[in-house]
Amino acid sequence: MKSALLRALILSAIMAPTSVLAETGPWVDVAPGAKIRLLTSDYVDPNGKMLAGLEFQLRDGMKTYWRIPGESGIPLTANWSNSQNIDQVNFLWPMPKRTISLGYFDYVYDQDFVLPFEVEISAESDKNVALLNGDLLMGICGEICVPVTYNIAQSLPLDQKDISVSFTLEAAKAYVPINDDRANAPFNAVYFDQSENKIWVKPSSDAEENQTLILDLPNQNLLFDVPQNRPGSSLLSFEPLKEVSLVDHVGMSARLTYSGREGAFEKQVPILLFDALDQ
């Protein structure tokens, strides 16, 4: 599904007519061996949203972090309050890699990649230009981990489209997990076992989805280990990486993120008691 999307994007880029080029920001050295620049398509879709992105160049051995950074990572935060004619900015997080370094478990991006985000243009604005103004703080790690800042002050013409930049952004967006509304979607619930203080889930028929599966609790600063096979059973288990009781989360929702043969997906599912699990 994602490969078909990428082929379509490549074809559209080849066949599209020449257009006025949107402005791409300059490369900024934010740490030794790490550069960032801003990409904007300067095209507002019918829903009033513009796709933009942060393009990273990281030398070998360097990394930055997913929306859940992990045990040692620094989460990305952004202040967009000085923007004009913009209602909201939402980062779109491509599927990350798991790493264990110096005993710390993290979710990361490395090498060269694009972190896309959506800019929601104010519907009340009668102007054809918006100002994207943001102060970003993030963690970038090499031999040491350092917090770095990146500042954005970019005027956005709303009636232009850079075909090459749009292709780059759409290609990056293709790796962002989407809501799993497939008829045969796996992982319809997770189950809390109080005797072991673990969460269990029935596996997917796609082994890659099981291997990449990430569990988190929205709005909770709680990190879980990688899924483990239950001895003598096909069930997968998740255990929190710090000592905390999970019983108060029964009846709430868990978020599952995973990728497999058909692409990257996420969904929110109920947390039920283990007794409700039909094995």
C-alpha atoms as a PDB file:
ATOM      1  CA  MET A   1       0.000   0.000   0.000  1.00  0.00           C
ATOM      2  CA  LYS A   2       2.762   2.447   0.941  1.00  0.00           C
ATOM      3  CA  SER A   3       4.918   1.345  -2.034  1.00  0.00           C
ATOM      4  CA  ALA A   4       2.005   2.054  -4.382  1.00  0.00           C
ATOM      5  CA  LEU A   5       1.675   5.503  -2.840  1.00  0.00           C
ATOM      6  CA  LEU A   6       5.365   6.219  -3.365  1.00  0.00           C
ATOM      7  CA  ARG A   7       5.170   5.088  -7.011  1.00  0.00           C
ATOM      8  CA  ALA A   8       2.210   7.416  -7.529  1.00  0.00           C
ATOM      9  CA  LEU A   9       4.111  10.298  -5.958  1.00  0.00           C
ATOM     10  CA  ILE A  10       7.127   9.710  -8.166  1.00  0.00           C
ATOM     11  CA  LEU A  11       4.948   9.573 -11.282  1.00  0.00           C
ATOM     12  CA  SER A  12       3.123  12.775 -10.345  1.00  0.00           C
ATOM     13  CA  ALA A  13       6.433  14.543  -9.732  1.00  0.00           C
ATOM     14  CA  ILE A  14       7.724  13.502 -13.154  1.00  0.00           C
ATOM     15  CA  MET A  15       4.567  14.477 -15.039  1.00  0.00           C
ATOM     16  CA  ALA A  16       3.684  17.671 -13.145  1.00  0.00           C
ATOM     17  CA  PRO A  17       4.249  21.009 -14.890  1.00  0.00           C
ATOM     18  CA  THR A  18       6.875  23.456 -13.669  1.00  0.00           C
ATOM     19  CA  SER A  19       5.589  25.647 -10.817  1.00  0.00           C
ATOM     20  CA  VAL A  20       6.763  28.576  -8.744  1.00  0.00           C
ATOM     21  CA  LEU A  21       9.240  27.253  -6.186  1.00  0.00           C
ATOM     22  CA  ALA A  22       8.500  27.619  -2.517  1.00  0.00           C
ATOM     23  CA  GLU A  23      11.266  28.742  -0.202  1.00  0.00           C
ATOM     24  CA  THR A  24      13.370  26.104   1.537  1.00  0.00           C
ATOM     25  CA  GLY A  25      15.226  27.219   4.624  1.00  0.00           C
ATOM     26  CA  PRO A  26      19.023  27.157   4.874  1.00  0.00           C
ATOM     27  CA  TRP A  27      20.896  24.374   6.597  1.00  0.00           C
ATOM     28  CA  VAL A  28      21.592  25.213  10.237  1.00  0.00           C
ATOM     29  CA  ASP A  29      24.349  23.500  12.236  1.00  0.00           C
ATOM     30  CA  VAL A  30      22.669  22.622  15.535  1.00  0.00           C
ATOM     31  CA  ALA A  31      25.425  20.345  16.881  1.00  0.00           C
ATOM     32  CA  PRO A  32      28.734  18.958  15.572  1.00  0.00           C
ATOM     33  CA  GLY A  33      27.739  16.611  12.762  1.00  0.00           C
ATOM     34  CA  ALA A  34      24.047  17.574  12.851  1.00  0.00           C
ATOM     35  CA  LYS A  35      22.173  19.930  10.502  1.00  0.00           C
ATOM     36  CA  ILE A  36      18.502  20.863  10.153  1.00  0.00           C
ATOM     37  CA  ARG A  37      16.576  22.831   7.559  1.00  0.00           C
ATOM     38  CA  LEU A  38      12.913  23.719   7.072  1.00  0.00           C
ATOM     39  CA  LEU A  39      10.920  22.393   4.114  1.00  0.00           C
ATOM     40  CA  THR A  40       7.558  23.919   3.170  1.00  0.00           C
ATOM     41  CA  SER A  41       5.329  23.068   0.237  1.00  0.00           C
ATOM     42  CA  ASP A  42       3.484  26.426   0.573  1.00  0.00           C
ATOM     43  CA  TYR A  43       0.314  24.702  -0.651  1.00  0.00           C
ATOM     44  CA  VAL A  44      -2.860  24.625   1.431  1.00  0.00           C
ATOM     45  CA  ASP A  45      -5.104  21.594   0.884  1.00  0.00           C
ATOM     46  CA  PRO A  46      -8.930  21.781   0.918  1.00  0.00           C
ATOM     47  CA  ASN A  47      -8.887  21.114   4.680  1.00  0.00           C
ATOM     48  CA  GLY A  48      -6.831  24.265   5.299  1.00  0.00           C
ATOM     49  CA  LYS A  49      -3.622  22.374   6.083  1.00  0.00           C
ATOM     50  CA  MET A  50      -0.140  22.823   4.698  1.00  0.00           C
ATOM     51  CA  LEU A  51       2.498  20.100   4.846  1.00  0.00           C
ATOM     52  CA  ALA A  52       5.967  21.096   6.054  1.00  0.00           C
ATOM     53  CA  GLY A  53       8.916  19.292   7.584  1.00  0.00           C
ATOM     54  CA  LEU A  54      12.264  19.359   9.308  1.00  0.00           C
ATOM     55  CA  GLU A  55      15.003  17.768   7.219  1.00  0.00           C
ATOM     56  CA  PHE A  56      17.840  16.315   9.302  1.00  0.00           C
ATOM     57  CA  GLN A  57      21.384  15.428   8.275  1.00  0.00           C
ATOM     58  CA  LEU A  58      23.017  13.391  11.029  1.00  0.00           C
ATOM     59  CA  ARG A  59      26.455  11.848  10.712  1.00  0.00           C
ATOM     60  CA  ASP A  60      26.873   8.133  11.422  1.00  0.00           C
ATOM     61  CA  GLY A  61      26.319   7.325  15.071  1.00  0.00           C
ATOM     62  CA  MET A  62      24.053  10.307  15.758  1.00  0.00           C
ATOM     63  CA  LYS A  63      20.332  10.166  16.524  1.00  0.00           C
ATOM     64  CA  THR A  64      17.358  12.184  17.625  1.00  0.00           C
ATOM     65  CA  TYR A  65      14.113  11.029  19.177  1.00  0.00           C
ATOM     66  CA  TRP A  66      10.540   9.932  18.460  1.00  0.00           C
ATOM     67  CA  ARG A  67       7.470  11.424  20.205  1.00  0.00           C
ATOM     68  CA  ILE A  68       8.193   8.950  23.018  1.00  0.00           C
ATOM     69  CA  PRO A  69      11.946   9.415  23.375  1.00  0.00           C
ATOM     70  CA  GLY A  70      12.661   6.533  25.737  1.00  0.00           C
ATOM     71  CA  GLU A  71      14.817   6.282  28.835  1.00  0.00           C
ATOM     72  CA  SER A  72      17.624   8.675  27.899  1.00  0.00           C
ATOM     73  CA  GLY A  73      16.099  10.821  25.164  1.00  0.00           C
ATOM     74  CA  ILE A  74      14.985  14.434  25.237  1.00  0.00           C
ATOM     75  CA  PRO A  75      11.470  14.960  23.814  1.00  0.00           C
ATOM     76  CA  LEU A  76      10.936  17.496  21.052  1.00  0.00           C
ATOM     77  CA  THR A  77       8.994  20.538  22.253  1.00  0.00           C
ATOM     78  CA  ALA A  78       7.899  23.549  20.221  1.00  0.00           C
ATOM     79  CA  ASN A  79       6.453  26.971  20.973  1.00  0.00           C
ATOM     80  CA  TRP A  80       4.461  28.344  18.022  1.00  0.00           C
ATOM     81  CA  SER A  81       2.773  31.204  19.903  1.00  0.00           C
ATOM     82  CA  ASN A  82       4.370  33.940  17.780  1.00  0.00           C
ATOM     83  CA  SER A  83       3.019  32.523  14.503  1.00  0.00           C
ATOM     84  CA  GLN A  84       0.451  34.524  12.538  1.00  0.00           C
ATOM     85  CA  ASN A  85      -2.630  33.264  10.676  1.00  0.00           C
ATOM     86  CA  ILE A  86      -1.873  29.758  11.960  1.00  0.00           C
ATOM     87  CA  ASP A  87      -4.206  27.890  14.299  1.00  0.00           C
ATOM     88  CA  GLN A  88      -2.186  24.776  15.051  1.00  0.00           C
ATOM     89  CA  VAL A  89       0.980  22.840  14.196  1.00  0.00           C
ATOM     90  CA  ASN A  90       1.043  19.046  14.548  1.00  0.00           C
ATOM     91  CA  PHE A  91       4.107  16.858  14.158  1.00  0.00           C
ATOM     92  CA  LEU A  92       3.578  13.645  12.188  1.00  0.00           C
ATOM     93  CA  TRP A  93       5.876  10.968  13.555  1.00  0.00           C
ATOM     94  CA  PRO A  94       7.264   8.330  11.147  1.00  0.00           C
ATOM     95  CA  MET A  95       7.810   4.857  12.552  1.00  0.00           C
ATOM     96  CA  PRO A  96      10.968   4.957  14.732  1.00  0.00           C
ATOM     97  CA  LYS A  97      13.790   2.524  15.407  1.00  0.00           C
ATOM     98  CA  ARG A  98      14.357   0.844  18.769  1.00  0.00           C
ATOM     99  CA  THR A  99      17.850   1.127  20.222  1.00  0.00           C
ATOM    100  CA  ILE A 100      19.591   0.033  23.401  1.00  0.00           C
ATOM    101  CA  SER A 101      22.744   2.047  24.069  1.00  0.00           C
ATOM    102  CA  LEU A 102      24.723   2.005  27.326  1.00  0.00           C
ATOM    103  CA  GLY A 103      21.807   0.139  28.886  1.00  0.00           C
ATOM    104  CA  TYR A 104      19.192   2.748  27.878  1.00  0.00           C
ATOM    105  CA  PHE A 105      16.175   1.853  25.764  1.00  0.00           C
ATOM    106  CA  ASP A 106      15.067   4.551  23.300  1.00  0.00           C
ATOM    107  CA  TYR A 107      13.006   5.225  20.167  1.00  0.00           C
ATOM    108  CA  VAL A 108      15.072   7.132  17.638  1.00  0.00           C
ATOM    109  CA  TYR A 109      15.689   8.435  14.130  1.00  0.00           C
ATOM    110  CA  ASP A 110      19.161   8.480  12.628  1.00  0.00           C
ATOM    111  CA  GLN A 111      21.125   9.443   9.498  1.00  0.00           C
ATOM    112  CA  ASP A 112      19.205  11.587   6.971  1.00  0.00           C
ATOM    113  CA  PHE A 113      15.444  11.813   7.400  1.00  0.00           C
ATOM    114  CA  VAL A 114      12.497  14.210   7.272  1.00  0.00           C
ATOM    115  CA  LEU A 115      10.141  14.794  10.209  1.00  0.00           C
ATOM    116  CA  PRO A 116       6.910  16.050   8.589  1.00  0.00           C
ATOM    117  CA  PHE A 117       4.348  18.278  10.274  1.00  0.00           C
ATOM    118  CA  GLU A 118       1.010  19.834   9.373  1.00  0.00           C
ATOM    119  CA  VAL A 119       0.367  23.562   9.634  1.00  0.00           C
ATOM    120  CA  GLU A 120      -3.307  24.448  10.052  1.00  0.00           C
ATOM    121  CA  ILE A 121      -3.962  27.832   8.447  1.00  0.00           C
ATOM    122  CA  SER A 122      -6.514  30.074  10.159  1.00  0.00           C
ATOM    123  CA  ALA A 123      -9.856  29.966   8.348  1.00  0.00           C
ATOM    124  CA  GLU A 124     -10.616  33.504   9.509  1.00  0.00           C
ATOM    125  CA  SER A 125      -7.593  34.955   7.726  1.00  0.00           C
ATOM    126  CA  ASP A 126      -8.299  36.813   4.487  1.00  0.00           C
ATOM    127  CA  LYS A 127      -4.596  37.115   3.723  1.00  0.00           C
ATOM    128  CA  ASN A 128      -2.601  34.944   1.363  1.00  0.00           C
ATOM    129  CA  VAL A 129       0.460  34.783   3.607  1.00  0.00           C
ATOM    130  CA  ALA A 130       0.973  33.172   7.003  1.00  0.00           C
ATOM    131  CA  LEU A 131       3.978  33.425   9.325  1.00  0.00           C
ATOM    132  CA  LEU A 132       5.359  30.242  10.847  1.00  0.00           C
ATOM    133  CA  ASN A 133       7.330  31.211  13.936  1.00  0.00           C
ATOM    134  CA  GLY A 134       8.577  28.532  16.294  1.00  0.00           C
ATOM    135  CA  ASP A 135      11.170  27.879  18.973  1.00  0.00           C
ATOM    136  CA  LEU A 136      12.062  24.178  19.038  1.00  0.00           C
ATOM    137  CA  LEU A 137      14.020  22.210  21.621  1.00  0.00           C
ATOM    138  CA  MET A 138      15.135  18.642  20.985  1.00  0.00           C
ATOM    139  CA  GLY A 139      17.773  16.128  21.938  1.00  0.00           C
ATOM    140  CA  ILE A 140      20.508  15.004  19.553  1.00  0.00           C
ATOM    141  CA  CYS A 141      22.965  12.329  20.621  1.00  0.00           C
ATOM    142  CA  GLY A 142      26.354  11.264  19.361  1.00  0.00           C
ATOM    143  CA  GLU A 143      29.116  10.388  21.799  1.00  0.00           C
ATOM    144  CA  ILE A 144      27.175  12.590  24.224  1.00  0.00           C
ATOM    145  CA  CYS A 145      23.557  13.768  24.312  1.00  0.00           C
ATOM    146  CA  VAL A 146      22.866  17.487  24.128  1.00  0.00           C
ATOM    147  CA  PRO A 147      19.704  19.606  24.007  1.00  0.00           C
ATOM    148  CA  VAL A 148      19.689  21.749  20.873  1.00  0.00           C
ATOM    149  CA  THR A 149      17.488  24.607  19.746  1.00  0.00           C
ATOM    150  CA  TYR A 150      16.184  25.357  16.276  1.00  0.00           C
ATOM    151  CA  ASN A 151      14.307  28.556  15.485  1.00  0.00           C
ATOM    152  CA  ILE A 152      11.838  28.997  12.639  1.00  0.00           C
ATOM    153  CA  ALA A 153      10.661  32.328  11.232  1.00  0.00           C
ATOM    154  CA  GLN A 154       9.251  31.610   7.794  1.00  0.00           C
ATOM    155  CA  SER A 155       6.714  33.503   5.676  1.00  0.00           C
ATOM    156  CA  LEU A 156       4.377  31.061   3.922  1.00  0.00           C
ATOM    157  CA  PRO A 157       2.832  32.158   0.610  1.00  0.00           C
ATOM    158  CA  LEU A 158      -0.372  30.156   0.397  1.00  0.00           C
ATOM    159  CA  ASP A 159      -0.824  30.020  -3.364  1.00  0.00           C
ATOM    160  CA  GLN A 160       2.385  28.283  -4.486  1.00  0.00           C
ATOM    161  CA  LYS A 161       3.537  24.687  -4.623  1.00  0.00           C
ATOM    162  CA  ASP A 162       7.076  23.358  -4.893  1.00  0.00           C
ATOM    163  CA  ILE A 163       6.679  19.998  -6.621  1.00  0.00           C
ATOM    164  CA  SER A 164      10.043  18.597  -5.510  1.00  0.00           C
ATOM    165  CA  VAL A 165       9.583  19.660  -1.879  1.00  0.00           C
ATOM    166  CA  SER A 166       5.995  18.392  -1.869  1.00  0.00           C
ATOM    167  CA  PHE A 167       7.215  15.008  -3.121  1.00  0.00           C
ATOM    168  CA  THR A 168       9.861  14.839  -0.373  1.00  0.00           C
ATOM    169  CA  LEU A 169       7.284  15.690   2.285  1.00  0.00           C
ATOM    170  CA  GLU A 170       4.671  13.252   0.969  1.00  0.00           C
ATOM    171  CA  ALA A 171       7.290  10.508   0.814  1.00  0.00           C
ATOM    172  CA  ALA A 172       8.168  11.156   4.475  1.00  0.00           C
ATOM    173  CA  LYS A 173       4.471  11.199   5.395  1.00  0.00           C
ATOM    174  CA  ALA A 174       4.060   7.766   3.816  1.00  0.00           C
ATOM    175  CA  TYR A 175       6.006   6.313   6.774  1.00  0.00           C
ATOM    176  CA  VAL A 176       3.752   7.958   9.375  1.00  0.00           C
ATOM    177  CA  PRO A 177       1.436   5.404  11.020  1.00  0.00           C
ATOM    178  CA  ILE A 178      -2.199   5.872  10.019  1.00  0.00           C
ATOM    179  CA  ASN A 179      -5.340   4.801  11.869  1.00  0.00           C
ATOM    180  CA  ASP A 180      -5.796   1.069  11.355  1.00  0.00           C
ATOM    181  CA  ASP A 181      -9.344   0.717  10.060  1.00  0.00           C
ATOM    182  CA  ARG A 182      -8.703  -2.467   8.076  1.00  0.00           C
ATOM    183  CA  ALA A 183     -11.437  -5.088   8.353  1.00  0.00           C
ATOM    184  CA  ASN A 184      -8.875  -7.619   9.614  1.00  0.00           C
ATOM    185  CA  ALA A 185      -6.959  -5.180  11.831  1.00  0.00           C
ATOM    186  CA  PRO A 186      -5.160  -6.893  14.732  1.00  0.00           C
ATOM    187  CA  PHE A 187      -4.829  -5.841  18.384  1.00  0.00           C
ATOM    188  CA  ASN A 188      -8.442  -4.951  19.214  1.00  0.00           C
ATOM    189  CA  ALA A 189      -7.795  -4.736  22.965  1.00  0.00           C
ATOM    190  CA  VAL A 190      -5.056  -5.196  25.554  1.00  0.00           C
ATOM    191  CA  TYR A 191      -5.462  -7.054  28.839  1.00  0.00           C
ATOM    192  CA  PHE A 192      -4.093  -6.246  32.277  1.00  0.00           C
ATOM    193  CA  ASP A 193      -2.859  -9.123  34.451  1.00  0.00           C
ATOM    194  CA  GLN A 194      -2.738  -7.872  38.052  1.00  0.00           C
ATOM    195  CA  SER A 195      -0.852 -10.926  39.317  1.00  0.00           C
ATOM    196  CA  GLU A 196       2.127 -10.056  37.111  1.00  0.00           C
ATOM    197  CA  ASN A 197       1.474  -6.327  36.576  1.00  0.00           C
ATOM    198  CA  LYS A 198       1.779  -6.847  32.831  1.00  0.00           C
ATOM    199  CA  ILE A 199      -0.316  -6.074  29.777  1.00  0.00           C
ATOM    200  CA  TRP A 200      -1.079  -8.850  27.302  1.00  0.00           C
ATOM    201  CA  VAL A 201      -2.255  -8.750  23.707  1.00  0.00           C
ATOM    202  CA  LYS A 202      -3.229 -11.290  21.059  1.00  0.00           C
ATOM    203  CA  PRO A 203      -0.636 -11.282  18.280  1.00  0.00           C
ATOM    204  CA  SER A 204      -1.157 -10.320  14.657  1.00  0.00           C
ATOM    205  CA  SER A 205      -0.901 -12.842  11.831  1.00  0.00           C
ATOM    206  CA  ASP A 206       1.798 -10.523  10.439  1.00  0.00           C
ATOM    207  CA  ALA A 207       4.984 -11.355  12.346  1.00  0.00           C
ATOM    208  CA  GLU A 208       6.515  -7.966  11.514  1.00  0.00           C
ATOM    209  CA  GLU A 209       3.607  -6.172  13.189  1.00  0.00           C
ATOM    210  CA  ASN A 210       4.304  -8.186  16.353  1.00  0.00           C
ATOM    211  CA  GLN A 211       8.024  -7.430  16.243  1.00  0.00           C
ATOM    212  CA  THR A 212       7.564  -3.681  15.756  1.00  0.00           C
ATOM    213  CA  LEU A 213       4.623  -3.266  18.152  1.00  0.00           C
ATOM    214  CA  ILE A 214       4.917  -0.313  20.560  1.00  0.00           C
ATOM    215  CA  LEU A 215       2.562   0.232  23.491  1.00  0.00           C
ATOM    216  CA  ASP A 216       2.086   3.561  25.222  1.00  0.00           C
ATOM    217  CA  LEU A 217      -0.589   5.218  27.333  1.00  0.00           C
ATOM    218  CA  PRO A 218      -1.637   8.604  25.878  1.00  0.00           C
ATOM    219  CA  ASN A 219      -0.803  11.546  28.143  1.00  0.00           C
ATOM    220  CA  GLN A 220       1.133   9.258  30.497  1.00  0.00           C
ATOM    221  CA  ASN A 221       4.900   9.422  30.963  1.00  0.00           C
ATOM    222  CA  LEU A 222       5.293   5.656  31.131  1.00  0.00           C
ATOM    223  CA  LEU A 223       7.626   3.554  29.007  1.00  0.00           C
ATOM    224  CA  PHE A 224       7.087  -0.126  28.232  1.00  0.00           C
ATOM    225  CA  ASP A 225       9.611  -2.769  27.216  1.00  0.00           C
ATOM    226  CA  VAL A 226       9.561  -4.516  23.826  1.00  0.00           C
ATOM    227  CA  PRO A 227       6.814  -7.158  23.438  1.00  0.00           C
ATOM    228  CA  GLN A 228       7.722 -10.593  24.773  1.00  0.00           C
ATOM    229  CA  ASN A 229       6.234 -14.003  23.955  1.00  0.00           C
ATOM    230  CA  ARG A 230       4.390 -15.601  26.855  1.00  0.00           C
ATOM    231  CA  PRO A 231       5.963 -19.016  27.628  1.00  0.00           C
ATOM    232  CA  GLY A 232       3.734 -21.783  26.312  1.00  0.00           C
ATOM    233  CA  SER A 233       1.386 -19.299  24.625  1.00  0.00           C
ATOM    234  CA  SER A 234       1.238 -17.117  21.545  1.00  0.00           C
ATOM    235  CA  LEU A 235       0.291 -14.054  23.607  1.00  0.00           C
ATOM    236  CA  LEU A 236       2.572 -11.019  23.712  1.00  0.00           C
ATOM    237  CA  SER A 237       3.298  -9.201  26.966  1.00  0.00           C
ATOM    238  CA  PHE A 238       4.376  -5.673  27.838  1.00  0.00           C
ATOM    239  CA  GLU A 239       6.017  -4.704  31.106  1.00  0.00           C
ATOM    240  CA  PRO A 240       6.623  -1.144  32.352  1.00  0.00           C
ATOM    241  CA  LEU A 241      10.295  -0.199  32.619  1.00  0.00           C
ATOM    242  CA  LYS A 242       9.805   1.275  36.060  1.00  0.00           C
ATOM    243  CA  GLU A 243       8.019  -0.102  39.093  1.00  0.00           C
ATOM    244  CA  VAL A 244       4.475   1.226  38.911  1.00  0.00           C
ATOM    245  CA  SER A 245       1.101  -0.455  39.299  1.00  0.00           C
ATOM    246  CA  LEU A 246      -1.017  -0.481  36.141  1.00  0.00           C
ATOM    247  CA  VAL A 247      -4.315  -1.349  37.815  1.00  0.00           C
ATOM    248  CA  ASP A 248      -5.610   2.238  37.717  1.00  0.00           C
ATOM    249  CA  HIS A 249      -5.383   2.192  33.912  1.00  0.00           C
ATOM    250  CA  VAL A 250      -7.981  -0.550  33.466  1.00  0.00           C
ATOM    251  CA  GLY A 251     -10.917   0.904  31.529  1.00  0.00           C
ATOM    252  CA  MET A 252      -8.716   3.550  29.900  1.00  0.00           C
ATOM    253  CA  SER A 253      -7.146   3.430  26.444  1.00  0.00           C
ATOM    254  CA  ALA A 254      -3.769   2.260  25.234  1.00  0.00           C
ATOM    255  CA  ARG A 255      -2.165   3.357  21.972  1.00  0.00           C
ATOM    256  CA  LEU A 256      -0.528   0.734  19.769  1.00  0.00           C
ATOM    257  CA  THR A 257       1.903   1.617  16.968  1.00  0.00           C
ATOM    258  CA  TYR A 258       3.259  -0.965  14.526  1.00  0.00           C
ATOM    259  CA  SER A 259       4.324  -1.604  10.941  1.00  0.00           C
ATOM    260  CA  GLY A 260       4.163  -4.627   8.697  1.00  0.00           C
ATOM    261  CA  ARG A 261       3.539  -5.844   5.163  1.00  0.00           C
ATOM    262  CA  GLU A 262       0.788  -3.277   4.511  1.00  0.00           C
ATOM    263  CA  GLY A 263       2.461  -0.240   6.040  1.00  0.00           C
ATOM    264  CA  ALA A 264       2.599   1.555   9.379  1.00  0.00           C
ATOM    265  CA  PHE A 265      -0.473   1.830  11.597  1.00  0.00           C
ATOM    266  CA  GLU A 266      -1.657   2.942  15.003  1.00  0.00           C
ATOM    267  CA  LYS A 267      -4.866   2.575  16.965  1.00  0.00           C
ATOM    268  CA  GLN A 268      -6.273   3.214  20.415  1.00  0.00           C
ATOM    269  CA  VAL A 269      -7.759   0.195  22.163  1.00  0.00           C
ATOM    270  CA  PRO A 270      -9.381  -0.435  25.567  1.00  0.00           C
ATOM    271  CA  ILE A 271      -7.409  -1.813  28.511  1.00  0.00           C
ATOM    272  CA  LEU A 272      -9.462  -4.720  29.884  1.00  0.00           C
ATOM    273  CA  LEU A 273      -8.937  -7.125  32.748  1.00  0.00           C
ATOM    274  CA  PHE A 274      -7.097 -10.313  31.863  1.00  0.00           C
ATOM    275  CA  ASP A 275     -10.198 -12.365  32.722  1.00  0.00           C
ATOM    276  CA  ALA A 276     -11.906 -10.865  29.658  1.00  0.00           C
ATOM    277  CA  LEU A 277      -9.331 -12.433  27.350  1.00  0.00           C
ATOM    278  CA  ASP A 278     -10.705 -15.354  25.347  1.00  0.00           C
ATOM    279  CA  GLN A 279      -7.628 -17.465  24.721  1.00  0.00           C
END
